[in-house]
Amino acid sequence: MTGLVVAMDGPSGSGKSSASRGVARALGLRYLDTGAMYRAITWWMLQQRVDLGDAEAIAARAADPVLLIGTDPDAPAVAVDGVDVAEPIRGSEVTGAVSAVSAVPQVRARLVAEQRAIIGAGDIVVEGRDIGTVVAPDARVKLYLTASAEARAQRRTAELAGTTVEAQQAAMARRDTLDSTRKAAPLAKAPDAVELDTTALNLDEVIAEILRLVKERT
């Protein structure tokens, strides 16, 4: 597996986070959640009261926060300026704002450079929205995970308290539109990625299918 990079793209609720961590554990690889990096920057911008409706204001502060992102699939640490933000970056405020921050080219340029540095020589499973298309276009294994809108909303509702399937489905539709239509590295399936619909699959089945593909490709 030396030098292996597994690129896992797809929208939220498709199961890519749990699957990515499971595959990394099974293969003894590192794990990188690039979405957590965008969330961490967004959390910092909110803390600093940066106007998230002003792309220039976001761009001007994009280099300021100091990020620390772990690659242990069992405990992927995320810190900003020395503060553990693994929990707060999953809150509704960050979730509702992350698309606006991640659409700013200066933010993407900074984080893509950091992501490539972490990937280095490989031996890693990387998940996000532009891994196979932008961050690691030469990855040996590329997947694009998807699922029905209802299944994705149900999964996210099960993870979050105080929400409904309908509310999550509407929120996901909005974020999908923002992420897939932004000018900078939009959410997209790489031409050579294998699309995996996880709607009718449980986590173990998804991991097994990905491991089969990895074995086939390597």
N, C-alpha and C. Protein backbone atom coordinates (compact mmCIF):
# COMPACT_ATOMS: atom_id res chain seq x y z
N MET A 1 0.81 -1.21 0.00
CA MET A 1 0.00 0.00 0.00
C MET A 1 0.85 1.27 0.00
N THR A 2 2.17 1.12 -0.04
CA THR A 2 3.05 2.28 0.05
C THR A 2 2.71 3.32 -1.01
N GLY A 3 2.53 4.57 -0.57
CA GLY A 3 2.24 5.66 -1.48
C GLY A 3 0.79 5.77 -1.89
N LEU A 4 -0.07 4.92 -1.35
CA LEU A 4 -1.48 4.92 -1.75
C LEU A 4 -2.21 6.16 -1.26
N VAL A 5 -2.97 6.77 -2.15
CA VAL A 5 -3.88 7.85 -1.80
C VAL A 5 -5.27 7.43 -2.26
N VAL A 6 -6.21 7.38 -1.32
CA VAL A 6 -7.60 7.08 -1.63
C VAL A 6 -8.37 8.39 -1.51
N ALA A 7 -8.91 8.88 -2.62
CA ALA A 7 -9.65 10.14 -2.65
C ALA A 7 -11.14 9.84 -2.56
N MET A 8 -11.78 10.39 -1.54
CA MET A 8 -13.20 10.13 -1.30
C MET A 8 -13.97 11.45 -1.35
N ASP A 9 -14.73 11.65 -2.40
CA ASP A 9 -15.52 12.86 -2.55
C ASP A 9 -17.01 12.54 -2.45
N GLY A 10 -17.79 13.59 -2.26
CA GLY A 10 -19.23 13.43 -2.22
C GLY A 10 -19.88 14.44 -1.32
N PRO A 11 -21.20 14.60 -1.41
CA PRO A 11 -21.93 15.57 -0.60
C PRO A 11 -22.10 15.07 0.83
N SER A 12 -22.51 15.97 1.73
CA SER A 12 -22.74 15.59 3.11
C SER A 12 -23.87 14.56 3.19
N GLY A 13 -23.74 13.63 4.14
CA GLY A 13 -24.76 12.62 4.31
C GLY A 13 -24.60 11.41 3.42
N SER A 14 -23.58 11.43 2.57
CA SER A 14 -23.37 10.29 1.67
C SER A 14 -22.65 9.14 2.36
N GLY A 15 -22.14 9.39 3.56
CA GLY A 15 -21.46 8.35 4.31
C GLY A 15 -19.95 8.35 4.15
N LYS A 16 -19.40 9.39 3.51
CA LYS A 16 -17.98 9.34 3.21
C LYS A 16 -17.08 9.47 4.43
N SER A 17 -17.53 10.18 5.47
CA SER A 17 -16.69 10.34 6.66
C SER A 17 -16.50 9.01 7.39
N SER A 18 -17.59 8.35 7.71
CA SER A 18 -17.51 7.07 8.41
C SER A 18 -16.79 6.03 7.56
N ALA A 19 -17.10 6.02 6.26
CA ALA A 19 -16.46 5.06 5.36
C ALA A 19 -14.97 5.33 5.24
N SER A 20 -14.59 6.59 5.13
CA SER A 20 -13.18 6.94 5.00
C SER A 20 -12.38 6.49 6.22
N ARG A 21 -12.93 6.74 7.39
CA ARG A 21 -12.24 6.34 8.61
C ARG A 21 -12.16 4.83 8.71
N GLY A 22 -13.24 4.14 8.32
CA GLY A 22 -13.23 2.68 8.37
C GLY A 22 -12.21 2.07 7.42
N VAL A 23 -12.12 2.64 6.22
CA VAL A 23 -11.14 2.15 5.24
C VAL A 23 -9.72 2.42 5.72
N ALA A 24 -9.50 3.60 6.28
CA ALA A 24 -8.17 3.92 6.80
C ALA A 24 -7.76 2.95 7.90
N ARG A 25 -8.69 2.64 8.81
CA ARG A 25 -8.39 1.68 9.87
C ARG A 25 -8.06 0.31 9.29
N ALA A 26 -8.89 -0.14 8.34
CA ALA A 26 -8.72 -1.48 7.77
C ALA A 26 -7.38 -1.63 7.06
N LEU A 27 -6.91 -0.56 6.43
CA LEU A 27 -5.67 -0.62 5.65
C LEU A 27 -4.45 -0.09 6.41
N GLY A 28 -4.67 0.40 7.62
CA GLY A 28 -3.55 0.94 8.39
C GLY A 28 -3.01 2.23 7.80
N LEU A 29 -3.90 3.04 7.23
CA LEU A 29 -3.50 4.29 6.60
C LEU A 29 -3.87 5.50 7.47
N ARG A 30 -3.30 6.63 7.16
CA ARG A 30 -3.69 7.87 7.80
C ARG A 30 -5.03 8.32 7.21
N TYR A 31 -5.63 9.32 7.85
CA TYR A 31 -6.94 9.80 7.43
C TYR A 31 -6.96 11.33 7.51
N LEU A 32 -7.48 11.97 6.47
CA LEU A 32 -7.58 13.43 6.47
C LEU A 32 -8.99 13.86 6.10
N ASP A 33 -9.61 14.61 7.00
CA ASP A 33 -10.94 15.18 6.77
C ASP A 33 -10.74 16.63 6.35
N THR A 34 -10.75 16.89 5.04
CA THR A 34 -10.51 18.26 4.57
C THR A 34 -11.68 19.18 4.91
N GLY A 35 -12.88 18.62 5.02
CA GLY A 35 -14.03 19.43 5.39
C GLY A 35 -13.86 20.04 6.77
N ALA A 36 -13.20 19.30 7.67
CA ALA A 36 -12.96 19.81 9.02
C ALA A 36 -12.07 21.04 8.98
N MET A 37 -11.19 21.10 8.00
CA MET A 37 -10.31 22.27 7.88
C MET A 37 -11.11 23.50 7.47
N TYR A 38 -12.03 23.33 6.53
CA TYR A 38 -12.87 24.46 6.12
C TYR A 38 -13.80 24.88 7.26
N ARG A 39 -14.29 23.90 8.00
CA ARG A 39 -15.13 24.20 9.15
C ARG A 39 -14.35 24.95 10.23
N ALA A 40 -13.10 24.55 10.43
CA ALA A 40 -12.28 25.20 11.45
C ALA A 40 -12.03 26.67 11.09
N ILE A 41 -11.73 26.93 9.82
CA ILE A 41 -11.55 28.31 9.38
C ILE A 41 -12.84 29.11 9.56
N THR A 42 -13.96 28.47 9.24
CA THR A 42 -15.27 29.12 9.39
C THR A 42 -15.54 29.45 10.85
N TRP A 43 -15.26 28.49 11.74
CA TRP A 43 -15.44 28.73 13.18
C TRP A 43 -14.63 29.93 13.63
N TRP A 44 -13.39 30.00 13.18
CA TRP A 44 -12.51 31.11 13.56
C TRP A 44 -13.07 32.44 13.04
N MET A 45 -13.54 32.46 11.80
CA MET A 45 -14.10 33.68 11.23
C MET A 45 -15.31 34.15 12.04
N LEU A 46 -16.14 33.22 12.47
CA LEU A 46 -17.29 33.56 13.28
C LEU A 46 -16.86 34.13 14.63
N GLN A 47 -15.84 33.50 15.22
CA GLN A 47 -15.33 33.98 16.50
C GLN A 47 -14.76 35.39 16.39
N GLN A 48 -14.17 35.67 15.24
CA GLN A 48 -13.56 36.99 15.01
C GLN A 48 -14.57 38.01 14.48
N ARG A 49 -15.81 37.58 14.32
CA ARG A 49 -16.90 38.43 13.82
C ARG A 49 -16.60 39.02 12.43
N VAL A 50 -15.96 38.22 11.62
CA VAL A 50 -15.74 38.61 10.23
C VAL A 50 -17.07 38.54 9.49
N ASP A 51 -17.35 39.51 8.65
CA ASP A 51 -18.59 39.53 7.88
C ASP A 51 -18.52 38.44 6.80
N LEU A 52 -19.27 37.37 7.00
CA LEU A 52 -19.19 36.25 6.06
C LEU A 52 -19.96 36.51 4.77
N GLY A 53 -20.61 37.66 4.69
CA GLY A 53 -21.23 38.05 3.44
C GLY A 53 -20.28 38.87 2.58
N ASP A 54 -19.07 39.11 3.09
CA ASP A 54 -18.06 39.92 2.41
C ASP A 54 -16.86 39.05 2.07
N ALA A 55 -16.78 38.59 0.83
CA ALA A 55 -15.70 37.69 0.42
C ALA A 55 -14.33 38.33 0.60
N GLU A 56 -14.24 39.63 0.38
CA GLU A 56 -12.96 40.31 0.55
C GLU A 56 -12.52 40.32 2.01
N ALA A 57 -13.45 40.45 2.92
CA ALA A 57 -13.13 40.43 4.34
C ALA A 57 -12.64 39.05 4.76
N ILE A 58 -13.26 38.01 4.22
CA ILE A 58 -12.82 36.64 4.50
C ILE A 58 -11.42 36.41 3.94
N ALA A 59 -11.21 36.86 2.70
CA ALA A 59 -9.91 36.69 2.05
C ALA A 59 -8.79 37.37 2.83
N ALA A 60 -9.08 38.54 3.39
CA ALA A 60 -8.08 39.32 4.10
C ALA A 60 -7.61 38.63 5.37
N ARG A 61 -8.45 37.73 5.94
CA ARG A 61 -8.09 37.05 7.19
C ARG A 61 -7.78 35.58 6.98
N ALA A 62 -7.80 35.11 5.74
CA ALA A 62 -7.68 33.68 5.47
C ALA A 62 -6.38 33.06 5.99
N ALA A 63 -5.31 33.83 6.02
CA ALA A 63 -4.01 33.29 6.45
C ALA A 63 -3.79 33.39 7.96
N ASP A 64 -4.70 34.03 8.68
CA ASP A 64 -4.45 34.33 10.09
C ASP A 64 -4.56 33.15 11.06
N PRO A 65 -5.63 32.35 11.01
CA PRO A 65 -5.75 31.28 12.00
C PRO A 65 -4.69 30.19 11.80
N VAL A 66 -4.22 29.65 12.93
CA VAL A 66 -3.24 28.55 12.90
C VAL A 66 -4.00 27.24 13.09
N LEU A 67 -3.96 26.39 12.07
CA LEU A 67 -4.69 25.12 12.12
C LEU A 67 -3.78 23.96 12.47
N LEU A 68 -4.35 23.02 13.24
CA LEU A 68 -3.69 21.75 13.50
C LEU A 68 -4.71 20.67 13.22
N ILE A 69 -4.41 19.80 12.25
CA ILE A 69 -5.35 18.75 11.87
C ILE A 69 -4.67 17.39 12.01
N GLY A 70 -5.29 16.49 12.76
CA GLY A 70 -4.71 15.18 12.98
C GLY A 70 -5.07 14.20 11.88
N THR A 71 -4.32 13.11 11.79
CA THR A 71 -4.56 12.11 10.74
C THR A 71 -4.79 10.71 11.31
N ASP A 72 -5.12 10.63 12.58
CA ASP A 72 -5.44 9.35 13.21
C ASP A 72 -6.92 9.07 12.98
N PRO A 73 -7.28 8.01 12.26
CA PRO A 73 -8.70 7.75 11.97
C PRO A 73 -9.52 7.49 13.23
N ASP A 74 -8.88 7.10 14.32
CA ASP A 74 -9.61 6.84 15.56
C ASP A 74 -9.82 8.11 16.39
N ALA A 75 -8.99 9.12 16.15
CA ALA A 75 -9.10 10.36 16.92
C ALA A 75 -8.57 11.52 16.09
N PRO A 76 -9.31 11.93 15.05
CA PRO A 76 -8.83 13.00 14.16
C PRO A 76 -8.96 14.38 14.81
N ALA A 77 -7.92 14.82 15.49
CA ALA A 77 -7.94 16.09 16.21
C ALA A 77 -8.04 17.28 15.26
N VAL A 78 -8.71 18.32 15.72
CA VAL A 78 -8.81 19.58 14.98
C VAL A 78 -8.66 20.72 15.99
N ALA A 79 -7.68 21.58 15.76
CA ALA A 79 -7.48 22.71 16.67
C ALA A 79 -7.22 23.98 15.87
N VAL A 80 -7.65 25.11 16.42
CA VAL A 80 -7.41 26.42 15.82
C VAL A 80 -6.78 27.31 16.88
N ASP A 81 -5.61 27.84 16.59
CA ASP A 81 -4.89 28.68 17.55
C ASP A 81 -4.78 27.99 18.91
N GLY A 82 -4.56 26.68 18.88
CA GLY A 82 -4.38 25.92 20.11
C GLY A 82 -5.66 25.51 20.80
N VAL A 83 -6.82 25.85 20.25
CA VAL A 83 -8.11 25.51 20.85
C VAL A 83 -8.71 24.30 20.15
N ASP A 84 -9.10 23.28 20.91
CA ASP A 84 -9.74 22.10 20.35
C ASP A 84 -11.14 22.48 19.86
N VAL A 85 -11.36 22.34 18.55
CA VAL A 85 -12.65 22.73 17.97
C VAL A 85 -13.38 21.56 17.33
N ALA A 86 -12.96 20.34 17.66
CA ALA A 86 -13.56 19.16 17.03
C ALA A 86 -15.08 19.12 17.20
N GLU A 87 -15.56 19.57 18.35
CA GLU A 87 -17.01 19.56 18.60
C GLU A 87 -17.71 20.80 18.05
N PRO A 88 -17.25 22.01 18.37
CA PRO A 88 -17.99 23.20 17.89
C PRO A 88 -18.06 23.35 16.38
N ILE A 89 -17.11 22.80 15.63
CA ILE A 89 -17.17 22.96 14.17
C ILE A 89 -18.30 22.15 13.55
N ARG A 90 -18.91 21.26 14.33
CA ARG A 90 -20.02 20.46 13.81
C ARG A 90 -21.37 21.08 14.12
N GLY A 91 -21.38 22.23 14.79
CA GLY A 91 -22.62 22.88 15.16
C GLY A 91 -23.33 23.50 13.98
N SER A 92 -24.59 23.88 14.20
CA SER A 92 -25.42 24.41 13.12
C SER A 92 -24.91 25.74 12.58
N GLU A 93 -24.31 26.58 13.45
CA GLU A 93 -23.84 27.88 12.99
C GLU A 93 -22.71 27.72 11.96
N VAL A 94 -21.76 26.84 12.26
CA VAL A 94 -20.67 26.60 11.32
C VAL A 94 -21.19 25.91 10.07
N THR A 95 -22.05 24.93 10.24
CA THR A 95 -22.60 24.21 9.09
C THR A 95 -23.31 25.16 8.13
N GLY A 96 -24.02 26.14 8.67
CA GLY A 96 -24.74 27.07 7.82
C GLY A 96 -23.85 28.10 7.14
N ALA A 97 -22.63 28.26 7.63
CA ALA A 97 -21.74 29.30 7.10
C ALA A 97 -20.57 28.77 6.29
N VAL A 98 -20.29 27.47 6.39
CA VAL A 98 -19.06 26.95 5.80
C VAL A 98 -19.01 27.06 4.28
N SER A 99 -20.14 26.97 3.61
CA SER A 99 -20.12 27.07 2.15
C SER A 99 -19.65 28.45 1.69
N ALA A 100 -20.07 29.51 2.41
CA ALA A 100 -19.66 30.85 2.05
C ALA A 100 -18.16 31.05 2.22
N VAL A 101 -17.61 30.50 3.30
CA VAL A 101 -16.18 30.64 3.56
C VAL A 101 -15.36 29.80 2.58
N SER A 102 -15.80 28.58 2.34
CA SER A 102 -15.03 27.68 1.48
C SER A 102 -15.07 28.08 0.01
N ALA A 103 -15.99 28.98 -0.35
CA ALA A 103 -16.07 29.44 -1.73
C ALA A 103 -15.04 30.53 -2.04
N VAL A 104 -14.40 31.08 -1.02
CA VAL A 104 -13.44 32.17 -1.22
C VAL A 104 -12.11 31.59 -1.72
N PRO A 105 -11.63 32.00 -2.89
CA PRO A 105 -10.43 31.42 -3.49
C PRO A 105 -9.21 31.44 -2.58
N GLN A 106 -9.03 32.51 -1.80
CA GLN A 106 -7.86 32.60 -0.92
C GLN A 106 -7.90 31.54 0.18
N VAL A 107 -9.10 31.23 0.65
CA VAL A 107 -9.25 30.17 1.65
C VAL A 107 -8.91 28.82 1.04
N ARG A 108 -9.43 28.58 -0.17
CA ARG A 108 -9.18 27.30 -0.82
C ARG A 108 -7.71 27.14 -1.16
N ALA A 109 -7.07 28.21 -1.65
CA ALA A 109 -5.66 28.12 -2.01
C ALA A 109 -4.82 27.75 -0.80
N ARG A 110 -5.11 28.40 0.32
CA ARG A 110 -4.35 28.10 1.53
C ARG A 110 -4.54 26.65 1.97
N LEU A 111 -5.80 26.22 2.04
CA LEU A 111 -6.06 24.88 2.57
C LEU A 111 -5.66 23.77 1.60
N VAL A 112 -5.80 23.99 0.32
CA VAL A 112 -5.35 22.98 -0.64
C VAL A 112 -3.84 22.76 -0.50
N ALA A 113 -3.09 23.84 -0.33
CA ALA A 113 -1.64 23.71 -0.15
C ALA A 113 -1.33 22.92 1.12
N GLU A 114 -2.06 23.18 2.20
CA GLU A 114 -1.84 22.46 3.45
C GLU A 114 -2.25 21.00 3.32
N GLN A 115 -3.35 20.76 2.61
CA GLN A 115 -3.81 19.38 2.41
C GLN A 115 -2.79 18.57 1.61
N ARG A 116 -2.23 19.17 0.57
CA ARG A 116 -1.23 18.47 -0.23
C ARG A 116 0.02 18.19 0.58
N ALA A 117 0.38 19.10 1.48
CA ALA A 117 1.55 18.89 2.34
C ALA A 117 1.31 17.73 3.29
N ILE A 118 0.09 17.62 3.82
CA ILE A 118 -0.25 16.52 4.72
C ILE A 118 -0.27 15.20 3.96
N ILE A 119 -0.82 15.20 2.77
CA ILE A 119 -0.85 13.97 1.95
C ILE A 119 0.56 13.50 1.66
N GLY A 120 1.44 14.42 1.32
CA GLY A 120 2.85 14.08 1.11
C GLY A 120 3.05 12.91 0.18
N ALA A 121 3.73 11.89 0.68
CA ALA A 121 4.03 10.71 -0.14
C ALA A 121 2.91 9.69 -0.14
N GLY A 122 1.80 10.00 0.53
CA GLY A 122 0.66 9.12 0.48
C GLY A 122 0.41 8.31 1.73
N ASP A 123 -0.08 7.08 1.56
CA ASP A 123 -0.50 6.22 2.67
C ASP A 123 -1.61 6.91 3.46
N ILE A 124 -2.66 7.34 2.76
CA ILE A 124 -3.68 8.14 3.40
C ILE A 124 -5.02 8.04 2.66
N VAL A 125 -6.09 8.13 3.42
CA VAL A 125 -7.44 8.25 2.86
C VAL A 125 -7.86 9.70 3.09
N VAL A 126 -8.25 10.38 2.02
CA VAL A 126 -8.59 11.80 2.11
C VAL A 126 -10.03 12.00 1.65
N GLU A 127 -10.81 12.66 2.49
CA GLU A 127 -12.21 12.90 2.12
C GLU A 127 -12.50 14.38 1.99
N GLY A 128 -13.42 14.71 1.08
CA GLY A 128 -13.79 16.10 0.88
C GLY A 128 -14.76 16.25 -0.27
N ARG A 129 -14.62 17.36 -0.98
CA ARG A 129 -15.50 17.64 -2.11
C ARG A 129 -14.71 17.88 -3.40
N ASP A 130 -13.40 18.06 -3.28
CA ASP A 130 -12.58 18.32 -4.47
C ASP A 130 -11.27 17.55 -4.43
N ILE A 131 -11.28 16.40 -3.78
CA ILE A 131 -10.02 15.66 -3.61
C ILE A 131 -9.57 15.05 -4.94
N GLY A 132 -10.47 14.33 -5.60
CA GLY A 132 -10.10 13.70 -6.86
C GLY A 132 -9.95 14.65 -8.02
N THR A 133 -10.54 15.84 -7.90
CA THR A 133 -10.48 16.80 -9.00
C THR A 133 -9.39 17.86 -8.83
N VAL A 134 -9.09 18.25 -7.59
CA VAL A 134 -8.16 19.35 -7.35
C VAL A 134 -7.01 18.98 -6.42
N VAL A 135 -7.33 18.50 -5.24
CA VAL A 135 -6.30 18.28 -4.21
C VAL A 135 -5.35 17.16 -4.59
N ALA A 136 -5.89 16.02 -5.01
CA ALA A 136 -5.05 14.86 -5.35
C ALA A 136 -5.54 14.22 -6.64
N PRO A 137 -5.42 14.93 -7.77
CA PRO A 137 -5.93 14.40 -9.03
C PRO A 137 -5.21 13.14 -9.51
N ASP A 138 -4.02 12.87 -8.95
CA ASP A 138 -3.27 11.67 -9.34
C ASP A 138 -3.49 10.52 -8.38
N ALA A 139 -4.46 10.64 -7.48
CA ALA A 139 -4.74 9.56 -6.52
C ALA A 139 -5.01 8.25 -7.25
N ARG A 140 -4.46 7.16 -6.72
CA ARG A 140 -4.60 5.87 -7.38
C ARG A 140 -6.04 5.35 -7.32
N VAL A 141 -6.75 5.68 -6.25
CA VAL A 141 -8.14 5.24 -6.08
C VAL A 141 -9.00 6.47 -5.82
N LYS A 142 -10.03 6.64 -6.65
CA LYS A 142 -10.93 7.77 -6.48
C LYS A 142 -12.36 7.26 -6.41
N LEU A 143 -13.09 7.76 -5.43
CA LEU A 143 -14.49 7.41 -5.29
C LEU A 143 -15.34 8.66 -5.14
N TYR A 144 -16.57 8.56 -5.59
CA TYR A 144 -17.54 9.62 -5.39
C TYR A 144 -18.75 8.97 -4.76
N LEU A 145 -18.95 9.22 -3.46
CA LEU A 145 -20.06 8.63 -2.74
C LEU A 145 -21.28 9.52 -2.83
N THR A 146 -22.42 8.90 -3.03
CA THR A 146 -23.68 9.64 -3.10
C THR A 146 -24.76 8.80 -2.45
N ALA A 147 -25.93 9.38 -2.30
CA ALA A 147 -27.09 8.69 -1.75
C ALA A 147 -28.30 9.54 -2.06
N SER A 148 -29.48 8.96 -1.91
CA SER A 148 -30.70 9.73 -2.17
C SER A 148 -30.80 10.88 -1.18
N ALA A 149 -31.52 11.92 -1.58
CA ALA A 149 -31.68 13.09 -0.72
C ALA A 149 -32.32 12.70 0.61
N GLU A 150 -33.29 11.80 0.58
CA GLU A 150 -33.97 11.39 1.81
C GLU A 150 -33.03 10.61 2.72
N ALA A 151 -32.26 9.70 2.14
CA ALA A 151 -31.33 8.91 2.96
C ALA A 151 -30.28 9.79 3.61
N ARG A 152 -29.77 10.75 2.85
CA ARG A 152 -28.76 11.66 3.40
C ARG A 152 -29.34 12.48 4.54
N ALA A 153 -30.55 12.98 4.36
CA ALA A 153 -31.20 13.78 5.39
C ALA A 153 -31.49 12.96 6.64
N GLN A 154 -31.91 11.72 6.46
CA GLN A 154 -32.18 10.85 7.60
C GLN A 154 -30.92 10.58 8.39
N ARG A 155 -29.81 10.35 7.71
CA ARG A 155 -28.55 10.10 8.40
C ARG A 155 -28.11 11.31 9.21
N ARG A 156 -28.21 12.48 8.61
CA ARG A 156 -27.78 13.69 9.30
C ARG A 156 -28.70 14.00 10.48
N THR A 157 -30.00 13.74 10.34
CA THR A 157 -30.94 13.96 11.43
C THR A 157 -30.63 13.05 12.61
N ALA A 158 -30.20 11.82 12.32
CA ALA A 158 -29.85 10.88 13.38
C ALA A 158 -28.61 11.34 14.15
N GLU A 159 -27.76 12.13 13.51
CA GLU A 159 -26.53 12.61 14.14
C GLU A 159 -26.75 13.88 14.95
N LEU A 160 -27.79 14.64 14.61
CA LEU A 160 -27.99 15.95 15.23
C LEU A 160 -29.28 15.99 16.04
N ALA A 161 -29.21 16.63 17.20
CA ALA A 161 -30.40 16.77 18.03
C ALA A 161 -31.17 18.03 17.61
N GLY A 162 -32.48 17.99 17.82
CA GLY A 162 -33.30 19.18 17.59
C GLY A 162 -33.50 19.56 16.14
N THR A 163 -33.51 18.58 15.26
CA THR A 163 -33.74 18.88 13.85
C THR A 163 -34.70 17.85 13.27
N THR A 164 -35.12 18.06 12.02
CA THR A 164 -36.02 17.13 11.36
C THR A 164 -35.46 16.74 10.00
N VAL A 165 -35.98 15.65 9.47
CA VAL A 165 -35.55 15.19 8.15
C VAL A 165 -35.83 16.26 7.11
N GLU A 166 -36.99 16.89 7.21
CA GLU A 166 -37.36 17.91 6.23
C GLU A 166 -36.41 19.10 6.29
N ALA A 167 -36.08 19.52 7.49
CA ALA A 167 -35.17 20.66 7.64
C ALA A 167 -33.79 20.32 7.11
N GLN A 168 -33.32 19.11 7.39
CA GLN A 168 -32.00 18.70 6.92
C GLN A 168 -31.97 18.55 5.41
N GLN A 169 -33.06 18.04 4.84
CA GLN A 169 -33.10 17.88 3.39
C GLN A 169 -33.04 19.24 2.70
N ALA A 170 -33.74 20.22 3.25
CA ALA A 170 -33.70 21.57 2.68
C ALA A 170 -32.32 22.19 2.84
N ALA A 171 -31.70 22.00 4.00
CA ALA A 171 -30.37 22.56 4.25
C ALA A 171 -29.33 21.93 3.33
N MET A 172 -29.44 20.62 3.13
CA MET A 172 -28.50 19.92 2.26
C MET A 172 -28.66 20.35 0.81
N ALA A 173 -29.90 20.54 0.38
CA ALA A 173 -30.14 20.97 -1.00
C ALA A 173 -29.50 22.34 -1.23
N ARG A 174 -29.64 23.22 -0.24
CA ARG A 174 -29.05 24.56 -0.35
C ARG A 174 -27.52 24.45 -0.43
N ARG A 175 -26.94 23.63 0.45
CA ARG A 175 -25.48 23.52 0.46
C ARG A 175 -24.97 22.84 -0.81
N ASP A 176 -25.69 21.84 -1.29
CA ASP A 176 -25.29 21.18 -2.54
C ASP A 176 -25.21 22.18 -3.68
N THR A 177 -26.22 23.05 -3.75
CA THR A 177 -26.25 24.05 -4.81
C THR A 177 -25.07 25.01 -4.69
N LEU A 178 -24.83 25.49 -3.48
CA LEU A 178 -23.71 26.41 -3.26
C LEU A 178 -22.38 25.75 -3.59
N ASP A 179 -22.19 24.51 -3.13
CA ASP A 179 -20.91 23.84 -3.32
C ASP A 179 -20.65 23.42 -4.76
N SER A 180 -21.71 23.07 -5.48
CA SER A 180 -21.53 22.59 -6.84
C SER A 180 -21.49 23.71 -7.88
N THR A 181 -21.87 24.92 -7.47
CA THR A 181 -21.89 26.03 -8.43
C THR A 181 -20.83 27.09 -8.13
N ARG A 182 -20.06 26.92 -7.06
CA ARG A 182 -19.02 27.92 -6.76
C ARG A 182 -17.95 27.87 -7.85
N LYS A 183 -17.29 28.99 -8.07
CA LYS A 183 -16.27 29.08 -9.11
C LYS A 183 -14.99 28.35 -8.72
N ALA A 184 -14.65 28.38 -7.43
CA ALA A 184 -13.40 27.77 -6.97
C ALA A 184 -13.64 26.32 -6.56
N ALA A 185 -13.08 25.38 -7.32
CA ALA A 185 -13.12 23.95 -7.00
C ALA A 185 -14.49 23.47 -6.56
N PRO A 186 -15.48 23.50 -7.43
CA PRO A 186 -16.82 23.07 -7.05
C PRO A 186 -16.88 21.57 -6.75
N LEU A 187 -17.89 21.19 -5.98
CA LEU A 187 -18.16 19.78 -5.74
C LEU A 187 -18.44 19.11 -7.07
N ALA A 188 -17.65 18.09 -7.40
CA ALA A 188 -17.83 17.41 -8.69
C ALA A 188 -17.19 16.03 -8.65
N LYS A 189 -17.71 15.14 -9.45
CA LYS A 189 -17.15 13.81 -9.58
C LYS A 189 -16.03 13.83 -10.60
N ALA A 190 -14.85 13.35 -10.22
CA ALA A 190 -13.74 13.27 -11.17
C ALA A 190 -14.10 12.29 -12.28
N PRO A 191 -13.66 12.55 -13.50
CA PRO A 191 -14.02 11.67 -14.62
C PRO A 191 -13.62 10.22 -14.40
N ASP A 192 -12.52 9.99 -13.67
CA ASP A 192 -12.04 8.63 -13.45
C ASP A 192 -12.40 8.08 -12.08
N ALA A 193 -13.34 8.73 -11.38
CA ALA A 193 -13.77 8.25 -10.07
C ALA A 193 -14.88 7.22 -10.22
N VAL A 194 -14.93 6.29 -9.31
CA VAL A 194 -16.00 5.29 -9.27
C VAL A 194 -17.12 5.84 -8.39
N GLU A 195 -18.31 5.93 -8.93
CA GLU A 195 -19.45 6.43 -8.15
C GLU A 195 -20.08 5.29 -7.38
N LEU A 196 -20.29 5.51 -6.09
CA LEU A 196 -20.87 4.48 -5.23
C LEU A 196 -22.10 5.06 -4.54
N ASP A 197 -23.27 4.52 -4.87
CA ASP A 197 -24.52 4.95 -4.26
C ASP A 197 -24.71 4.15 -2.97
N THR A 198 -24.70 4.86 -1.85
CA THR A 198 -24.75 4.19 -0.54
C THR A 198 -26.16 4.13 0.05
N THR A 199 -27.16 4.53 -0.73
CA THR A 199 -28.53 4.62 -0.21
C THR A 199 -28.97 3.34 0.48
N ALA A 200 -28.77 2.20 -0.18
CA ALA A 200 -29.27 0.93 0.34
C ALA A 200 -28.20 0.11 1.06
N LEU A 201 -27.04 0.71 1.32
CA LEU A 201 -25.93 -0.02 1.93
C LEU A 201 -25.70 0.43 3.37
N ASN A 202 -25.34 -0.54 4.24
CA ASN A 202 -24.93 -0.14 5.57
C ASN A 202 -23.43 0.17 5.55
N LEU A 203 -22.90 0.66 6.66
CA LEU A 203 -21.51 1.12 6.69
C LEU A 203 -20.54 -0.01 6.36
N ASP A 204 -20.76 -1.19 6.92
CA ASP A 204 -19.85 -2.31 6.65
C ASP A 204 -19.84 -2.67 5.17
N GLU A 205 -20.99 -2.60 4.54
CA GLU A 205 -21.08 -2.91 3.11
C GLU A 205 -20.35 -1.87 2.27
N VAL A 206 -20.47 -0.60 2.66
CA VAL A 206 -19.77 0.46 1.94
C VAL A 206 -18.26 0.27 2.06
N ILE A 207 -17.80 0.01 3.28
CA ILE A 207 -16.36 -0.18 3.50
C ILE A 207 -15.86 -1.38 2.71
N ALA A 208 -16.61 -2.47 2.73
CA ALA A 208 -16.21 -3.67 2.00
C ALA A 208 -16.08 -3.41 0.51
N GLU A 209 -17.01 -2.64 -0.05
CA GLU A 209 -16.97 -2.33 -1.48
C GLU A 209 -15.76 -1.46 -1.81
N ILE A 210 -15.45 -0.53 -0.94
CA ILE A 210 -14.29 0.34 -1.18
C ILE A 210 -13.00 -0.47 -1.07
N LEU A 211 -12.93 -1.36 -0.09
CA LEU A 211 -11.73 -2.20 0.06
C LEU A 211 -11.55 -3.10 -1.16
N ARG A 212 -12.67 -3.58 -1.71
CA ARG A 212 -12.60 -4.39 -2.92
C ARG A 212 -12.02 -3.58 -4.07
N LEU A 213 -12.47 -2.33 -4.17
CA LEU A 213 -11.96 -1.46 -5.24
C LEU A 213 -10.48 -1.15 -5.05
N VAL A 214 -10.08 -0.89 -3.82
CA VAL A 214 -8.67 -0.62 -3.53
C VAL A 214 -7.82 -1.82 -3.95
N LYS A 215 -8.26 -3.01 -3.59
CA LYS A 215 -7.52 -4.23 -3.95
C LYS A 215 -7.43 -4.36 -5.46
N GLU A 216 -8.52 -4.06 -6.14
CA GLU A 216 -8.56 -4.15 -7.60
C GLU A 216 -7.60 -3.17 -8.24
N ARG A 217 -7.54 -1.95 -7.70
CA ARG A 217 -6.72 -0.89 -8.28
C ARG A 217 -5.24 -0.98 -7.91
N THR A 218 -4.94 -1.74 -6.85
CA THR A 218 -3.54 -1.77 -6.40
C THR A 218 -2.91 -3.14 -6.56
